[in-house]
Amino acid sequence: MKGVKFDLLTNSRRLLHGDTLHGLESLDPDLAGQPLSYYHETGPVGDVMRLTVAERFAAEDPYVKNGLVKNWRVRPWTTVVGETASTPVR
């Protein structure tokens, strides 16, 4: 069942299809237009965007462009330190 649900606790609106969350929107004016959930910088699309930027950067490296580096790949970082660490060490 498709539907939009309002969450008074988080002041947000959720777009659902069954149990699948397809979108999340804050109703807080200060957060209007900011991507949440899937499109958030820490969500799946954010991961892809960061990798795409890193791949473009690596492809423009002079060693790569001039054939000195023949093979390379970009892999996601696993951060362990800082407030935004994906796998914090405590």
C-alpha atoms as a PDB file:
ATOM      1  CA  MET A   1       0.000   0.000   0.000  1.00  0.00           C
ATOM      2  CA  LYS A   2       1.341   3.406  -0.978  1.00  0.00           C
ATOM      3  CA  GLY A   3       0.980   6.324   1.342  1.00  0.00           C
ATOM      4  CA  VAL A   4       2.334   9.442   2.950  1.00  0.00           C
ATOM      5  CA  LYS A   5       2.570   9.363   6.721  1.00  0.00           C
ATOM      6  CA  PHE A   6       3.137  12.295   9.036  1.00  0.00           C
ATOM      7  CA  ASP A   7       5.417  11.739  12.008  1.00  0.00           C
ATOM      8  CA  LEU A   8       4.666  14.303  14.698  1.00  0.00           C
ATOM      9  CA  LEU A   9       7.599  13.133  16.840  1.00  0.00           C
ATOM     10  CA  THR A  10      10.197  14.015  14.166  1.00  0.00           C
ATOM     11  CA  ASN A  11       8.092  16.680  12.422  1.00  0.00           C
ATOM     12  CA  SER A  12       8.475  14.864   9.123  1.00  0.00           C
ATOM     13  CA  ARG A  13       6.558  13.331   6.259  1.00  0.00           C
ATOM     14  CA  ARG A  14       7.402   9.834   4.940  1.00  0.00           C
ATOM     15  CA  LEU A  15       6.558   8.368   1.536  1.00  0.00           C
ATOM     16  CA  LEU A  16       6.016   4.624   1.907  1.00  0.00           C
ATOM     17  CA  HIS A  17       5.121   1.737  -0.356  1.00  0.00           C
ATOM     18  CA  GLY A  18       4.425  -1.162   1.947  1.00  0.00           C
ATOM     19  CA  ASP A  19       7.356  -1.320   4.360  1.00  0.00           C
ATOM     20  CA  THR A  20       9.745   0.425   1.938  1.00  0.00           C
ATOM     21  CA  LEU A  21      10.627   4.041   2.730  1.00  0.00           C
ATOM     22  CA  HIS A  22      10.972   5.943  -0.554  1.00  0.00           C
ATOM     23  CA  GLY A  23      11.290   9.449   0.788  1.00  0.00           C
ATOM     24  CA  LEU A  24      11.597  11.489   3.937  1.00  0.00           C
ATOM     25  CA  GLU A  25      10.925  15.201   4.222  1.00  0.00           C
ATOM     26  CA  SER A  26      11.397  17.385   7.264  1.00  0.00           C
ATOM     27  CA  LEU A  27       8.625  19.869   7.909  1.00  0.00           C
ATOM     28  CA  ASP A  28      11.065  22.089   9.807  1.00  0.00           C
ATOM     29  CA  PRO A  29      11.575  25.257   7.686  1.00  0.00           C
ATOM     30  CA  ASP A  30      15.300  25.267   8.554  1.00  0.00           C
ATOM     31  CA  LEU A  31      15.688  21.807   6.992  1.00  0.00           C
ATOM     32  CA  ALA A  32      13.515  22.418   3.928  1.00  0.00           C
ATOM     33  CA  GLY A  33      15.078  21.080   0.759  1.00  0.00           C
ATOM     34  CA  GLN A  34      17.783  19.087   2.513  1.00  0.00           C
ATOM     35  CA  PRO A  35      18.035  15.493   1.346  1.00  0.00           C
ATOM     36  CA  LEU A  36      17.197  12.919   3.989  1.00  0.00           C
ATOM     37  CA  SER A  37      17.334   9.101   4.041  1.00  0.00           C
ATOM     38  CA  TYR A  38      18.188   7.668   0.617  1.00  0.00           C
ATOM     39  CA  TYR A  39      19.550  10.918  -0.867  1.00  0.00           C
ATOM     40  CA  HIS A  40      21.330  12.112   2.286  1.00  0.00           C
ATOM     41  CA  GLU A  41      25.124  12.442   2.016  1.00  0.00           C
ATOM     42  CA  THR A  42      25.490   9.378   4.247  1.00  0.00           C
ATOM     43  CA  GLY A  43      22.878   7.395   2.313  1.00  0.00           C
ATOM     44  CA  PRO A  44      23.324   5.209  -0.782  1.00  0.00           C
ATOM     45  CA  VAL A  45      23.144   8.055  -3.301  1.00  0.00           C
ATOM     46  CA  GLY A  46      25.619  10.095  -1.235  1.00  0.00           C
ATOM     47  CA  ASP A  47      28.022   7.145  -1.334  1.00  0.00           C
ATOM     48  CA  VAL A  48      27.791   6.989  -5.125  1.00  0.00           C
ATOM     49  CA  MET A  49      28.289  10.751  -5.468  1.00  0.00           C
ATOM     50  CA  ARG A  50      31.428  10.680  -3.332  1.00  0.00           C
ATOM     51  CA  LEU A  51      32.868   7.786  -5.337  1.00  0.00           C
ATOM     52  CA  THR A  52      32.075   9.534  -8.614  1.00  0.00           C
ATOM     53  CA  VAL A  53      33.914  12.673  -7.497  1.00  0.00           C
ATOM     54  CA  ALA A  54      36.890  10.604  -6.339  1.00  0.00           C
ATOM     55  CA  GLU A  55      36.990   8.680  -9.625  1.00  0.00           C
ATOM     56  CA  ARG A  56      36.989  11.907 -11.656  1.00  0.00           C
ATOM     57  CA  PHE A  57      39.775  13.287  -9.457  1.00  0.00           C
ATOM     58  CA  ALA A  58      41.883  10.129  -9.871  1.00  0.00           C
ATOM     59  CA  ALA A  59      41.284  10.021 -13.629  1.00  0.00           C
ATOM     60  CA  GLU A  60      42.729  13.535 -13.926  1.00  0.00           C
ATOM     61  CA  ASP A  61      45.911  12.656 -12.017  1.00  0.00           C
ATOM     62  CA  PRO A  62      48.956  13.359 -14.237  1.00  0.00           C
ATOM     63  CA  TYR A  63      50.419   9.899 -13.576  1.00  0.00           C
ATOM     64  CA  VAL A  64      47.172   8.286 -14.741  1.00  0.00           C
ATOM     65  CA  LYS A  65      46.736  10.609 -17.722  1.00  0.00           C
ATOM     66  CA  ASN A  66      50.297   9.981 -18.908  1.00  0.00           C
ATOM     67  CA  GLY A  67      50.081   6.218 -18.575  1.00  0.00           C
ATOM     68  CA  LEU A  68      52.487   5.810 -15.650  1.00  0.00           C
ATOM     69  CA  VAL A  69      49.662   4.383 -13.553  1.00  0.00           C
ATOM     70  CA  LYS A  70      47.904   1.746 -15.646  1.00  0.00           C
ATOM     71  CA  ASN A  71      45.383   0.367 -13.178  1.00  0.00           C
ATOM     72  CA  TRP A  72      43.568   1.953 -10.236  1.00  0.00           C
ATOM     73  CA  ARG A  73      40.237   1.831  -8.432  1.00  0.00           C
ATOM     74  CA  VAL A  74      38.393   3.934  -5.903  1.00  0.00           C
ATOM     75  CA  ARG A  75      37.071   2.219  -2.805  1.00  0.00           C
ATOM     76  CA  PRO A  76      34.894   3.697  -0.047  1.00  0.00           C
ATOM     77  CA  TRP A  77      36.679   4.850   3.081  1.00  0.00           C
ATOM     78  CA  THR A  78      35.883   3.382   6.442  1.00  0.00           C
ATOM     79  CA  THR A  79      36.328   6.249   8.866  1.00  0.00           C
ATOM     80  CA  VAL A  80      36.913   5.435  12.520  1.00  0.00           C
ATOM     81  CA  VAL A  81      37.682   8.826  14.067  1.00  0.00           C
ATOM     82  CA  GLY A  82      35.560  11.960  14.345  1.00  0.00           C
ATOM     83  CA  GLU A  83      31.919  12.901  14.738  1.00  0.00           C
ATOM     84  CA  THR A  84      30.971  11.659  11.259  1.00  0.00           C
ATOM     85  CA  ALA A  85      32.914   8.361  11.447  1.00  0.00           C
ATOM     86  CA  SER A  86      31.090   5.521   9.707  1.00  0.00           C
ATOM     87  CA  THR A  87      32.597   2.939  12.076  1.00  0.00           C
ATOM     88  CA  PRO A  88      33.612   4.872  15.218  1.00  0.00           C
ATOM     89  CA  VAL A  89      36.158   3.380  17.588  1.00  0.00           C
ATOM     90  CA  ARG A  90      35.150   4.008  21.178  1.00  0.00           C
END
